[in-house]
PDB file of N, CA and C in Angstrom:
ATOM      1  N   MET A   1       0.915  -0.955  -0.083  1.00  0.00           N
ATOM      2  CA  MET A   1       0.062  -0.181   0.106  1.00  0.00           C
ATOM      3  C   MET A   1       1.102   1.503  -0.021  1.00  0.00           C
ATOM      4  N   SER A   2       0.663   1.936  -1.086  1.00  0.00           N
ATOM      5  CA  SER A   2       1.508   3.193  -1.312  1.00  0.00           C
ATOM      6  C   SER A   2       0.683   4.065  -0.387  1.00  0.00           C
ATOM      7  N   HIS A   3       1.948   5.466   0.291  1.00  0.00           N
ATOM      8  CA  HIS A   3       0.962   6.185   0.769  1.00  0.00           C
ATOM      9  C   HIS A   3       1.709   8.009   0.086  1.00  0.00           C
ATOM     10  N   SER A   4       1.209   7.688  -1.377  1.00  0.00           N
ATOM     11  CA  SER A   4       1.984   9.040  -1.777  1.00  0.00           C
ATOM     12  C   SER A   4       0.830   9.918  -1.649  1.00  0.00           C
ATOM     13  N   THR A   5       1.566  11.250  -1.430  1.00  0.00           N
ATOM     14  CA  THR A   5       0.465  12.568  -1.458  1.00  0.00           C
ATOM     15  C   THR A   5       0.597  13.321  -2.238  1.00  0.00           C
ATOM     16  N   ASN A   6      -1.179  13.102  -2.858  1.00  0.00           N
ATOM     17  CA  ASN A   6      -1.045  14.282  -4.078  1.00  0.00           C
ATOM     18  C   ASN A   6      -2.114  15.727  -3.742  1.00  0.00           C
ATOM     19  N   LEU A   7      -1.792  16.699  -3.781  1.00  0.00           N
ATOM     20  CA  LEU A   7      -2.018  17.921  -3.384  1.00  0.00           C
ATOM     21  C   LEU A   7      -2.571  18.405  -4.315  1.00  0.00           C
ATOM     22  N   SER A   8      -2.930  17.772  -5.222  1.00  0.00           N
ATOM     23  CA  SER A   8      -3.259  18.606  -6.521  1.00  0.00           C
ATOM     24  C   SER A   8      -5.221  19.051  -6.006  1.00  0.00           C
ATOM     25  N   HIS A   9      -5.696  18.055  -5.654  1.00  0.00           N
ATOM     26  CA  HIS A   9      -7.502  18.378  -4.895  1.00  0.00           C
ATOM     27  C   HIS A   9      -7.171  19.618  -4.000  1.00  0.00           C
ATOM     28  N   HIS A  10      -6.518  19.810  -3.584  1.00  0.00           N
ATOM     29  CA  HIS A  10      -5.884  20.953  -2.603  1.00  0.00           C
ATOM     30  C   HIS A  10      -5.677  22.222  -3.363  1.00  0.00           C
ATOM     31  N   SER A  11      -6.864  23.116  -3.985  1.00  0.00           N
ATOM     32  CA  SER A  11      -6.372  24.563  -4.659  1.00  0.00           C
ATOM     33  C   SER A  11      -6.855  25.420  -3.862  1.00  0.00           C
ATOM     34  N   ARG A  12      -6.425  25.695  -2.555  1.00  0.00           N
ATOM     35  CA  ARG A  12      -6.809  26.534  -1.726  1.00  0.00           C
ATOM     36  C   ARG A  12      -5.393  27.830  -1.868  1.00  0.00           C
ATOM     37  N   ARG A  13      -5.890  29.232  -1.985  1.00  0.00           N
ATOM     38  CA  ARG A  13      -4.679  29.817  -2.107  1.00  0.00           C
ATOM     39  C   ARG A  13      -4.767  30.587  -1.332  1.00  0.00           C
ATOM     40  N   ILE A  14      -3.110  31.228  -0.627  1.00  0.00           N
ATOM     41  CA  ILE A  14      -2.662  32.003   0.353  1.00  0.00           C
ATOM     42  C   ILE A  14      -3.111  33.481  -0.006  1.00  0.00           C
ATOM     43  N   ASP A  15      -3.446  34.182   0.681  1.00  0.00           N
ATOM     44  CA  ASP A  15      -3.844  35.623   0.715  1.00  0.00           C
ATOM     45  C   ASP A  15      -1.975  35.903   1.564  1.00  0.00           C
ATOM     46  N   LEU A  16      -1.503  36.569   1.077  1.00  0.00           N
ATOM     47  CA  LEU A  16       0.013  37.090   1.846  1.00  0.00           C
ATOM     48  C   LEU A  16      -0.533  38.631   2.585  1.00  0.00           C
ATOM     49  N   ASP A  17      -1.510  39.139   1.876  1.00  0.00           N
ATOM     50  CA  ASP A  17      -1.843  40.154   3.012  1.00  0.00           C
ATOM     51  C   ASP A  17      -2.708  40.366   3.510  1.00  0.00           C
ATOM     52  N   ALA A  18      -3.632  38.849   3.567  1.00  0.00           N
ATOM     53  CA  ALA A  18      -4.292  39.069   4.974  1.00  0.00           C
ATOM     54  C   ALA A  18      -3.285  39.155   6.342  1.00  0.00           C
ATOM     55  N   PRO A  19      -4.394  39.564   7.649  1.00  0.00           N
ATOM     56  CA  PRO A  19      -3.658  39.713   8.967  1.00  0.00           C
ATOM     57  C   PRO A  19      -3.084  38.636   9.263  1.00  0.00           C
ATOM     58  N   LEU A  20      -3.324  37.574   9.237  1.00  0.00           N
ATOM     59  CA  LEU A  20      -3.335  35.908   9.496  1.00  0.00           C
ATOM     60  C   LEU A  20      -1.702  35.796   8.900  1.00  0.00           C
ATOM     61  N   HIS A  21      -1.079  36.390   8.083  1.00  0.00           N
ATOM     62  CA  HIS A  21      -0.154  36.413   7.142  1.00  0.00           C
ATOM     63  C   HIS A  21       1.239  36.983   7.278  1.00  0.00           C
ATOM     64  N   ARG A  22       0.857  38.563   7.766  1.00  0.00           N
ATOM     65  CA  ARG A  22       0.933  39.512   7.960  1.00  0.00           C
ATOM     66  C   ARG A  22       2.460  39.488   8.785  1.00  0.00           C
ATOM     67  N   LYS A  23       3.501  40.160   8.356  1.00  0.00           N
ATOM     68  CA  LYS A  23       4.808  39.876  10.004  1.00  0.00           C
ATOM     69  C   LYS A  23       4.302  40.495  11.318  1.00  0.00           C
ATOM     70  N   ALA A  24       4.720  39.961  12.112  1.00  0.00           N
ATOM     71  CA  ALA A  24       4.345  40.490  13.381  1.00  0.00           C
ATOM     72  C   ALA A  24       5.314  41.647  13.858  1.00  0.00           C
ATOM     73  N   GLY A  25       4.560  42.235  14.830  1.00  0.00           N
ATOM     74  CA  GLY A  25       5.694  43.798  15.065  1.00  0.00           C
ATOM     75  C   GLY A  25       4.855  45.096  14.523  1.00  0.00           C
ATOM     76  N   PRO A  26       5.354  46.367  15.467  1.00  0.00           N
ATOM     77  CA  PRO A  26       4.689  47.110  14.790  1.00  0.00           C
ATOM     78  C   PRO A  26       5.571  47.587  12.991  1.00  0.00           C
ATOM     79  N   MET A  27       6.161  47.292  12.758  1.00  0.00           N
ATOM     80  CA  MET A  27       6.857  47.838  11.702  1.00  0.00           C
ATOM     81  C   MET A  27       7.142  46.737  10.337  1.00  0.00           C
ATOM     82  N   THR A  28       6.731  46.986   9.123  1.00  0.00           N
ATOM     83  CA  THR A  28       7.021  45.914   8.236  1.00  0.00           C
ATOM     84  C   THR A  28       8.294  46.474   7.291  1.00  0.00           C
ATOM     85  N   HIS A  29       8.474  47.303   7.404  1.00  0.00           N
ATOM     86  CA  HIS A  29       9.512  48.439   6.768  1.00  0.00           C
ATOM     87  C   HIS A  29      10.147  49.640   7.704  1.00  0.00           C
ATOM     88  N   ALA A  30      11.114  49.401   7.882  1.00  0.00           N
ATOM     89  CA  ALA A  30      12.280  50.138   8.557  1.00  0.00           C
ATOM     90  C   ALA A  30      11.374  51.189   9.670  1.00  0.00           C
ATOM     91  N   MET A  31      10.833  51.937   8.227  1.00  0.00           N
ATOM     92  CA  MET A  31      10.566  53.170   8.760  1.00  0.00           C
ATOM     93  C   MET A  31       8.636  53.691   8.634  1.00  0.00           C
ATOM     94  N   GLN A  32       8.113  52.888   8.226  1.00  0.00           N
ATOM     95  CA  GLN A  32       6.825  53.135   7.474  1.00  0.00           C
ATOM     96  C   GLN A  32       6.076  51.847   9.205  1.00  0.00           C
ATOM     97  N   PRO A  33       5.745  52.338   9.332  1.00  0.00           N
ATOM     98  CA  PRO A  33       4.642  51.935  10.881  1.00  0.00           C
ATOM     99  C   PRO A  33       3.231  50.922   9.827  1.00  0.00           C
ATOM    100  N   VAL A  34       3.003  49.637  10.468  1.00  0.00           N
ATOM    101  CA  VAL A  34       1.329  49.159   9.754  1.00  0.00           C
ATOM    102  C   VAL A  34       0.421  49.736  10.548  1.00  0.00           C
ATOM    103  N   GLU A  35      -0.334  50.359   9.387  1.00  0.00           N
ATOM    104  CA  GLU A  35      -1.343  50.625   9.502  1.00  0.00           C
ATOM    105  C   GLU A  35      -2.899  49.153   9.355  1.00  0.00           C
ATOM    106  N   SER A  36      -3.512  49.768  10.366  1.00  0.00           N
ATOM    107  CA  SER A  36      -4.979  48.537   9.846  1.00  0.00           C
ATOM    108  C   SER A  36      -6.104  49.608   9.125  1.00  0.00           C
ATOM    109  N   ALA A  37      -6.748  48.832   8.327  1.00  0.00           N
ATOM    110  CA  ALA A  37      -8.111  49.843   8.081  1.00  0.00           C
ATOM    111  C   ALA A  37      -8.593  51.238   8.746  1.00  0.00           C
ATOM    112  N   GLY A  38      -9.163  50.656   9.972  1.00  0.00           N
ATOM    113  CA  GLY A  38      -9.658  51.508  10.806  1.00  0.00           C
ATOM    114  C   GLY A  38      -8.530  52.294  11.404  1.00  0.00           C
ATOM    115  N   GLU A  39      -7.002  52.394  11.644  1.00  0.00           N
ATOM    116  CA  GLU A  39      -6.405  53.268  11.518  1.00  0.00           C
ATOM    117  C   GLU A  39      -5.917  54.495  10.900  1.00  0.00           C
ATOM    118  N   ALA A  40      -6.233  53.813   9.842  1.00  0.00           N
ATOM    119  CA  ALA A  40      -5.946  54.572   8.502  1.00  0.00           C
ATOM    120  C   ALA A  40      -7.243  55.552   8.193  1.00  0.00           C
ATOM    121  N   GLN A  41      -7.875  55.071   8.929  1.00  0.00           N
ATOM    122  CA  GLN A  41      -9.467  56.078   8.590  1.00  0.00           C
ATOM    123  C   GLN A  41      -9.314  56.767   9.358  1.00  0.00           C
ATOM    124  N   THR A  42      -9.220  56.782  10.634  1.00  0.00           N
ATOM    125  CA  THR A  42      -8.746  57.778  11.811  1.00  0.00           C
ATOM    126  C   THR A  42      -7.755  58.564  12.242  1.00  0.00           C
ATOM    127  N   SER A  43      -6.647  58.342  11.378  1.00  0.00           N
ATOM    128  CA  SER A  43      -5.511  59.285  11.375  1.00  0.00           C
ATOM    129  C   SER A  43      -5.432  60.191   9.848  1.00  0.00           C
ATOM    130  N   GLN A  44      -6.472  59.965   9.291  1.00  0.00           N
ATOM    131  CA  GLN A  44      -6.898  60.733   8.049  1.00  0.00           C
ATOM    132  C   GLN A  44      -7.456  61.955   8.753  1.00  0.00           C
ATOM    133  N   ALA A  45      -8.460  61.697   9.509  1.00  0.00           N
ATOM    134  CA  ALA A  45      -9.393  62.723  10.220  1.00  0.00           C
ATOM    135  C   ALA A  45      -8.978  63.312  11.316  1.00  0.00           C
ATOM    136  N   CYS A  46      -8.316  62.902  12.310  1.00  0.00           N
ATOM    137  CA  CYS A  46      -7.672  63.538  13.429  1.00  0.00           C
ATOM    138  C   CYS A  46      -6.221  63.332  12.996  1.00  0.00           C
ATOM    139  N   PRO A  47      -5.844  64.964  12.598  1.00  0.00           N
ATOM    140  CA  PRO A  47      -4.469  65.371  12.496  1.00  0.00           C
ATOM    141  C   PRO A  47      -3.322  65.215  13.901  1.00  0.00           C
ATOM    142  N   THR A  48      -3.900  65.000  14.942  1.00  0.00           N
ATOM    143  CA  THR A  48      -3.221  64.798  16.063  1.00  0.00           C
ATOM    144  C   THR A  48      -1.781  64.187  15.814  1.00  0.00           C
ATOM    145  N   PRO A  49      -0.707  65.135  16.297  1.00  0.00           N
ATOM    146  CA  PRO A  49       0.422  64.035  16.653  1.00  0.00           C
ATOM    147  C   PRO A  49       0.211  62.952  17.348  1.00  0.00           C
ATOM    148  N   ARG A  50       1.165  62.259  16.859  1.00  0.00           N
ATOM    149  CA  ARG A  50       2.032  60.853  17.047  1.00  0.00           C
ATOM    150  C   ARG A  50       2.887  61.039  18.184  1.00  0.00           C
ATOM    151  N   TYR A  51       3.262  60.458  19.345  1.00  0.00           N
ATOM    152  CA  TYR A  51       3.707  60.810  20.156  1.00  0.00           C
ATOM    153  C   TYR A  51       4.803  58.732  20.409  1.00  0.00           C
ATOM    154  N   LEU A  52       5.912  59.300  20.889  1.00  0.00           N
ATOM    155  CA  LEU A  52       6.785  57.686  20.827  1.00  0.00           C
ATOM    156  C   LEU A  52       7.165  57.720  22.109  1.00  0.00           C
ATOM    157  N   THR A  53       7.271  56.444  22.454  1.00  0.00           N
ATOM    158  CA  THR A  53       8.319  56.475  24.018  1.00  0.00           C
ATOM    159  C   THR A  53       9.829  56.254  23.216  1.00  0.00           C
ATOM    160  N   ASN A  54      10.824  56.545  24.556  1.00  0.00           N
ATOM    161  CA  ASN A  54      11.825  56.585  24.043  1.00  0.00           C
ATOM    162  C   ASN A  54      12.449  55.725  23.169  1.00  0.00           C
ATOM    163  N   SER A  55      12.296  54.649  23.761  1.00  0.00           N
ATOM    164  CA  SER A  55      12.692  53.003  22.869  1.00  0.00           C
ATOM    165  C   SER A  55      12.262  53.392  21.415  1.00  0.00           C
ATOM    166  N   GLU A  56      10.925  53.744  21.849  1.00  0.00           N
ATOM    167  CA  GLU A  56      10.346  53.857  19.927  1.00  0.00           C
ATOM    168  C   GLU A  56      10.811  54.990  19.167  1.00  0.00           C
ATOM    169  N   ALA A  57      11.449  56.256  19.910  1.00  0.00           N
ATOM    170  CA  ALA A  57      12.126  56.994  19.014  1.00  0.00           C
ATOM    171  C   ALA A  57      13.403  56.550  18.790  1.00  0.00           C
ATOM    172  N   ALA A  58      14.321  56.004  19.569  1.00  0.00           N
ATOM    173  CA  ALA A  58      15.595  55.664  19.612  1.00  0.00           C
ATOM    174  C   ALA A  58      15.343  54.525  18.284  1.00  0.00           C
ATOM    175  N   ALA A  59      14.382  53.849  18.301  1.00  0.00           N
ATOM    176  CA  ALA A  59      14.211  53.045  16.590  1.00  0.00           C
ATOM    177  C   ALA A  59      13.909  53.514  15.491  1.00  0.00           C
ATOM    178  N   PHE A  60      13.155  54.505  15.760  1.00  0.00           N
ATOM    179  CA  PHE A  60      12.756  55.537  14.396  1.00  0.00           C
ATOM    180  C   PHE A  60      13.999  56.119  13.851  1.00  0.00           C
ATOM    181  N   LEU A  61      14.823  56.598  15.027  1.00  0.00           N
ATOM    182  CA  LEU A  61      15.951  57.593  14.311  1.00  0.00           C
ATOM    183  C   LEU A  61      17.355  56.345  14.370  1.00  0.00           C
ATOM    184  N   ARG A  62      17.156  55.238  14.283  1.00  0.00           N
ATOM    185  CA  ARG A  62      18.385  54.294  14.421  1.00  0.00           C
ATOM    186  C   ARG A  62      19.394  54.490  15.013  1.00  0.00           C
ATOM    187  N   LEU A  63      18.958  54.416  16.634  1.00  0.00           N
ATOM    188  CA  LEU A  63      19.694  54.729  17.636  1.00  0.00           C
ATOM    189  C   LEU A  63      19.504  54.071  18.828  1.00  0.00           C
ATOM    190  N   SER A  64      20.706  54.627  19.541  1.00  0.00           N
ATOM    191  CA  SER A  64      20.732  53.900  20.769  1.00  0.00           C
ATOM    192  C   SER A  64      19.670  54.507  22.064  1.00  0.00           C
ATOM    193  N   PRO A  65      18.893  53.551  22.206  1.00  0.00           N
ATOM    194  CA  PRO A  65      17.753  54.619  23.925  1.00  0.00           C
ATOM    195  C   PRO A  65      18.313  55.234  24.396  1.00  0.00           C
ATOM    196  N   ARG A  66      20.357  54.583  24.881  1.00  0.00           N
ATOM    197  CA  ARG A  66      20.470  55.649  26.104  1.00  0.00           C
ATOM    198  C   ARG A  66      21.231  56.584  25.249  1.00  0.00           C
ATOM    199  N   THR A  67      21.475  56.834  24.221  1.00  0.00           N
ATOM    200  CA  THR A  67      22.108  57.784  23.431  1.00  0.00           C
ATOM    201  C   THR A  67      20.950  59.497  23.513  1.00  0.00           C
ATOM    202  N   LEU A  68      19.727  58.612  22.940  1.00  0.00           N
ATOM    203  CA  LEU A  68      18.700  59.818  23.783  1.00  0.00           C
ATOM    204  C   LEU A  68      18.440  60.288  24.638  1.00  0.00           C
ATOM    205  N   GLU A  69      18.660  59.573  26.107  1.00  0.00           N
ATOM    206  CA  GLU A  69      18.750  59.898  27.021  1.00  0.00           C
ATOM    207  C   GLU A  69      19.986  60.149  27.637  1.00  0.00           C
ATOM    208  N   LYS A  70      21.175  60.255  27.275  1.00  0.00           N
ATOM    209  CA  LYS A  70      22.581  61.243  27.035  1.00  0.00           C
ATOM    210  C   LYS A  70      21.736  62.358  26.663  1.00  0.00           C
ATOM    211  N   GLN A  71      21.362  62.567  25.710  1.00  0.00           N
ATOM    212  CA  GLN A  71      21.113  64.171  24.733  1.00  0.00           C
ATOM    213  C   GLN A  71      19.923  64.889  25.679  1.00  0.00           C
ATOM    214  N   ARG A  72      19.115  63.903  26.088  1.00  0.00           N
ATOM    215  CA  ARG A  72      18.116  64.642  27.114  1.00  0.00           C
ATOM    216  C   ARG A  72      19.039  65.697  28.281  1.00  0.00           C
ATOM    217  N   VAL A  73      19.511  64.972  28.676  1.00  0.00           N
ATOM    218  CA  VAL A  73      20.844  65.436  29.990  1.00  0.00           C
ATOM    219  C   VAL A  73      21.869  66.589  29.332  1.00  0.00           C
ATOM    220  N   ILE A  74      22.607  66.203  28.903  1.00  0.00           N
ATOM    221  CA  ILE A  74      23.884  67.159  28.201  1.00  0.00           C
ATOM    222  C   ILE A  74      22.941  68.483  27.059  1.00  0.00           C
ATOM    223  N   GLY A  75      21.689  68.068  26.533  1.00  0.00           N
ATOM    224  CA  GLY A  75      21.000  69.067  25.374  1.00  0.00           C
ATOM    225  C   GLY A  75      21.950  67.960  23.973  1.00  0.00           C
ATOM    226  N   GLY A  76      21.178  69.223  22.682  1.00  0.00           N
ATOM    227  CA  GLY A  76      21.827  68.564  21.596  1.00  0.00           C
ATOM    228  C   GLY A  76      20.769  67.175  20.776  1.00  0.00           C
ATOM    229  N   GLY A  77      19.941  67.052  21.404  1.00  0.00           N
ATOM    230  CA  GLY A  77      18.991  66.106  21.133  1.00  0.00           C
ATOM    231  C   GLY A  77      17.691  66.598  20.784  1.00  0.00           C
ATOM    232  N   PRO A  78      16.336  66.041  20.136  1.00  0.00           N
ATOM    233  CA  PRO A  78      15.052  66.353  19.975  1.00  0.00           C
ATOM    234  C   PRO A  78      14.622  66.892  21.063  1.00  0.00           C
ATOM    235  N   ARG A  79      13.691  67.556  20.503  1.00  0.00           N
ATOM    236  CA  ARG A  79      12.854  67.949  21.791  1.00  0.00           C
ATOM    237  C   ARG A  79      11.607  67.090  21.727  1.00  0.00           C
ATOM    238  N   PHE A  80      11.383  66.918  23.636  1.00  0.00           N
ATOM    239  CA  PHE A  80      10.800  65.968  24.122  1.00  0.00           C
ATOM    240  C   PHE A  80       9.674  66.674  24.943  1.00  0.00           C
ATOM    241  N   HIS A  81       8.524  65.641  25.359  1.00  0.00           N
ATOM    242  CA  HIS A  81       7.673  66.268  25.962  1.00  0.00           C
ATOM    243  C   HIS A  81       7.535  65.136  27.340  1.00  0.00           C
ATOM    244  N   LYS A  82       7.112  66.146  28.407  1.00  0.00           N
ATOM    245  CA  LYS A  82       6.926  64.917  29.878  1.00  0.00           C
ATOM    246  C   LYS A  82       5.432  65.174  30.059  1.00  0.00           C
ATOM    247  N   PHE A  83       4.922  63.623  30.368  1.00  0.00           N
ATOM    248  CA  PHE A  83       3.409  63.402  31.104  1.00  0.00           C
ATOM    249  C   PHE A  83       4.336  62.721  31.896  1.00  0.00           C
ATOM    250  N   GLY A  84       3.936  63.621  33.298  1.00  0.00           N
ATOM    251  CA  GLY A  84       4.096  62.988  34.402  1.00  0.00           C
ATOM    252  C   GLY A  84       5.641  62.606  34.624  1.00  0.00           C
ATOM    253  N   ARG A  85       5.929  61.381  34.574  1.00  0.00           N
ATOM    254  CA  ARG A  85       6.933  60.811  34.640  1.00  0.00           C
ATOM    255  C   ARG A  85       7.496  60.315  33.164  1.00  0.00           C
ATOM    256  N   ARG A  86       6.656  60.248  32.126  1.00  0.00           N
ATOM    257  CA  ARG A  86       6.850  59.523  30.827  1.00  0.00           C
ATOM    258  C   ARG A  86       6.965  60.650  30.058  1.00  0.00           C
ATOM    259  N   VAL A  87       8.348  60.289  29.266  1.00  0.00           N
ATOM    260  CA  VAL A  87       8.928  60.752  28.753  1.00  0.00           C
ATOM    261  C   VAL A  87       8.241  60.430  27.097  1.00  0.00           C
ATOM    262  N   MET A  88       8.185  61.178  26.264  1.00  0.00           N
ATOM    263  CA  MET A  88       7.602  60.751  25.076  1.00  0.00           C
ATOM    264  C   MET A  88       8.279  62.096  24.033  1.00  0.00           C
ATOM    265  N   TYR A  89       8.004  61.585  22.492  1.00  0.00           N
ATOM    266  CA  TYR A  89       8.879  62.515  21.704  1.00  0.00           C
ATOM    267  C   TYR A  89       7.675  62.490  20.210  1.00  0.00           C
ATOM    268  N   ALA A  90       7.378  64.022  19.917  1.00  0.00           N
ATOM    269  CA  ALA A  90       6.450  63.245  18.754  1.00  0.00           C
ATOM    270  C   ALA A  90       7.476  63.288  17.496  1.00  0.00           C
ATOM    271  N   VAL A  91       6.455  62.879  16.549  1.00  0.00           N
ATOM    272  CA  VAL A  91       7.150  62.322  15.779  1.00  0.00           C
ATOM    273  C   VAL A  91       7.801  63.025  14.538  1.00  0.00           C
ATOM    274  N   THR A  92       6.728  64.746  14.500  1.00  0.00           N
ATOM    275  CA  THR A  92       7.326  65.543  13.759  1.00  0.00           C
ATOM    276  C   THR A  92       8.188  66.143  14.187  1.00  0.00           C
ATOM    277  N   ASP A  93       8.629  66.455  15.851  1.00  0.00           N
ATOM    278  CA  ASP A  93       9.878  67.030  16.632  1.00  0.00           C
ATOM    279  C   ASP A  93      11.074  66.391  16.105  1.00  0.00           C
ATOM    280  N   LEU A  94      11.147  64.831  16.039  1.00  0.00           N
ATOM    281  CA  LEU A  94      11.988  63.531  15.372  1.00  0.00           C
ATOM    282  C   LEU A  94      12.401  64.108  14.192  1.00  0.00           C
ATOM    283  N   GLU A  95      11.629  64.034  12.965  1.00  0.00           N
ATOM    284  CA  GLU A  95      11.592  64.110  11.962  1.00  0.00           C
ATOM    285  C   GLU A  95      12.118  65.655  11.478  1.00  0.00           C
ATOM    286  N   ALA A  96      12.270  66.508  12.322  1.00  0.00           N
ATOM    287  CA  ALA A  96      12.845  68.496  12.469  1.00  0.00           C
ATOM    288  C   ALA A  96      14.039  67.713  12.607  1.00  0.00           C
ATOM    289  N   TRP A  97      14.179  67.228  13.798  1.00  0.00           N
ATOM    290  CA  TRP A  97      15.632  67.075  14.097  1.00  0.00           C
ATOM    291  C   TRP A  97      16.398  66.238  13.378  1.00  0.00           C
ATOM    292  N   ALA A  98      16.055  65.345  12.796  1.00  0.00           N
ATOM    293  CA  ALA A  98      16.724  64.449  11.784  1.00  0.00           C
ATOM    294  C   ALA A  98      16.980  65.439  10.555  1.00  0.00           C
ATOM    295  N   GLY A  99      16.341  66.134  10.032  1.00  0.00           N
ATOM    296  CA  GLY A  99      16.184  67.352   9.085  1.00  0.00           C
ATOM    297  C   GLY A  99      17.480  68.291   9.032  1.00  0.00           C
ATOM    298  N   GLU A 100      17.694  68.471  10.601  1.00  0.00           N
ATOM    299  CA  GLU A 100      18.609  69.555  10.635  1.00  0.00           C
ATOM    300  C   GLU A 100      20.170  69.103  10.638  1.00  0.00           C
ATOM    301  N   ARG A 101      19.849  68.033  10.368  1.00  0.00           N
ATOM    302  CA  ARG A 101      21.609  66.942  10.297  1.00  0.00           C
ATOM    303  C   ARG A 101      21.687  66.338   9.469  1.00  0.00           C
ATOM    304  N   SER A 102      21.432  67.316   7.924  1.00  0.00           N
ATOM    305  CA  SER A 102      21.782  66.762   6.546  1.00  0.00           C
ATOM    306  C   SER A 102      22.481  67.813   6.475  1.00  0.00           C
ATOM    307  N   PHE A 103      23.785  67.335   5.917  1.00  0.00           N
ATOM    308  CA  PHE A 103      24.643  67.934   5.226  1.00  0.00           C
ATOM    309  C   PHE A 103      24.914  67.181   3.849  1.00  0.00           C
ATOM    310  N   GLU A 104      25.755  68.007   2.763  1.00  0.00           N
ATOM    311  CA  GLU A 104      26.110  67.610   1.430  1.00  0.00           C
ATOM    312  C   GLU A 104      27.140  66.597   1.678  1.00  0.00           C
ATOM    313  N   THR A 105      28.554  67.485   2.003  1.00  0.00           N
ATOM    314  CA  THR A 105      29.762  67.085   2.285  1.00  0.00           C
ATOM    315  C   THR A 105      30.319  67.559   3.912  1.00  0.00           C
ATOM    316  N   THR A 106      31.162  66.666   4.320  1.00  0.00           N
ATOM    317  CA  THR A 106      32.530  67.538   5.543  1.00  0.00           C
ATOM    318  C   THR A 106      32.778  68.279   5.369  1.00  0.00           C
ATOM    319  N   PHE A 107      32.905  68.883   4.247  1.00  0.00           N
ATOM    320  CA  PHE A 107      33.727  70.158   4.142  1.00  0.00           C
ATOM    321  C   PHE A 107      32.661  71.156   4.054  1.00  0.00           C
ATOM    322  N   ASP A 108      31.242  70.854   4.330  1.00  0.00           N
ATOM    323  CA  ASP A 108      29.990  72.071   4.439  1.00  0.00           C
ATOM    324  C   ASP A 108      30.148  72.639   5.791  1.00  0.00           C
ATOM    325  N   PRO A 109      30.216  73.918   5.327  1.00  0.00           N
ATOM    326  CA  PRO A 109      30.584  75.109   6.601  1.00  0.00           C
ATOM    327  C   PRO A 109      29.370  75.262   7.476  1.00  0.00           C
ATOM    328  N   GLU A 110      28.524  74.250   7.424  1.00  0.00           N
ATOM    329  CA  GLU A 110      27.637  74.104   8.620  1.00  0.00           C
ATOM    330  C   GLU A 110      27.747  72.975   9.109  1.00  0.00           C
ATOM    331  N   TYR A 111      28.847  72.092   8.731  1.00  0.00           N
ATOM    332  CA  TYR A 111      28.888  71.035   9.327  1.00  0.00           C
ATOM    333  C   TYR A 111      29.852  71.097  10.116  1.00  0.00           C
ATOM    334  N   ILE A 112      31.006  71.689   9.681  1.00  0.00           N
ATOM    335  CA  ILE A 112      32.264  72.184  10.163  1.00  0.00           C
ATOM    336  C   ILE A 112      32.578  73.006  11.448  1.00  0.00           C
ATOM    337  N   ASP A 113      31.022  73.844  11.460  1.00  0.00           N
ATOM    338  CA  ASP A 113      30.744  74.809  12.565  1.00  0.00           C
ATOM    339  C   ASP A 113      29.949  74.093  13.746  1.00  0.00           C
ATOM    340  N   ARG A 114      29.453  73.098  13.028  1.00  0.00           N
ATOM    341  CA  ARG A 114      28.422  72.203  14.507  1.00  0.00           C
ATOM    342  C   ARG A 114      29.368  70.564  14.712  1.00  0.00           C
ATOM    343  N   HIS A 115      30.646  70.856  14.130  1.00  0.00           N
ATOM    344  CA  HIS A 115      31.700  69.810  14.846  1.00  0.00           C
ATOM    345  C   HIS A 115      32.989  70.751  14.813  1.00  0.00           C
ATOM    346  N   PRO A 116      33.418  71.068  16.219  1.00  0.00           N
ATOM    347  CA  PRO A 116      34.310  71.524  16.349  1.00  0.00           C
ATOM    348  C   PRO A 116      35.381  70.400  16.247  1.00  0.00           C
ATOM    349  N   GLY A 117      35.815  69.259  16.687  1.00  0.00           N
ATOM    350  CA  GLY A 117      36.689  68.142  16.419  1.00  0.00           C
ATOM    351  C   GLY A 117      37.277  68.012  14.964  1.00  0.00           C
ATOM    352  N   VAL A 118      36.468  68.495  13.711  1.00  0.00           N
ATOM    353  CA  VAL A 118      36.839  68.959  12.852  1.00  0.00           C
ATOM    354  C   VAL A 118      38.566  70.099  12.509  1.00  0.00           C
ATOM    355  N   GLN A 119      37.596  71.263  12.698  1.00  0.00           N
ATOM    356  CA  GLN A 119      38.584  71.926  12.965  1.00  0.00           C
ATOM    357  C   GLN A 119      40.163  71.875  14.000  1.00  0.00           C
ATOM    358  N   ARG A 120      39.894  71.222  15.257  1.00  0.00           N
ATOM    359  CA  ARG A 120      40.935  70.564  15.969  1.00  0.00           C
ATOM    360  C   ARG A 120      41.681  69.455  15.300  1.00  0.00           C
ATOM    361  N   ASP A 121      41.156  68.510  14.398  1.00  0.00           N
ATOM    362  CA  ASP A 121      42.090  67.764  13.959  1.00  0.00           C
ATOM    363  C   ASP A 121      42.778  68.501  12.702  1.00  0.00           C
ATOM    364  N   ASP A 122      42.545  69.485  11.959  1.00  0.00           N
ATOM    365  CA  ASP A 122      43.190  70.548  10.891  1.00  0.00           C
ATOM    366  C   ASP A 122      44.548  70.922  11.664  1.00  0.00           C
ATOM    367  N   GLN A 123      44.517  71.136  12.872  1.00  0.00           N
ATOM    368  CA  GLN A 123      46.148  71.918  13.177  1.00  0.00           C
ATOM    369  C   GLN A 123      46.972  71.422  13.732  1.00  0.00           C
TER     370      GLN A 123
END
């Protein structure tokens, strides 16, 4: 008696976009959060800012959470909000902070002004 497996009668198709088969976790792409259909409709109706925790903001910027903690103390980091003991970052503040740190080259005058170590190395 042979037990060969014949799957031809199973013509069931798998929908990879169905929630059952989607990747687990808050993000499918490094910088784009997953939205369900209900969230997409409410986010368009209410333009309220979205806030991220320290860990979420660090992941958004691809930094260490400890780096953001240090920058809150010594300065130079993105603007943050305090809600009681909780520290939160608005996505718009993170994007603005990151945008302020874009340069064409390391010889860009703005880059040299912001990085005094560059001038020290030239001496």
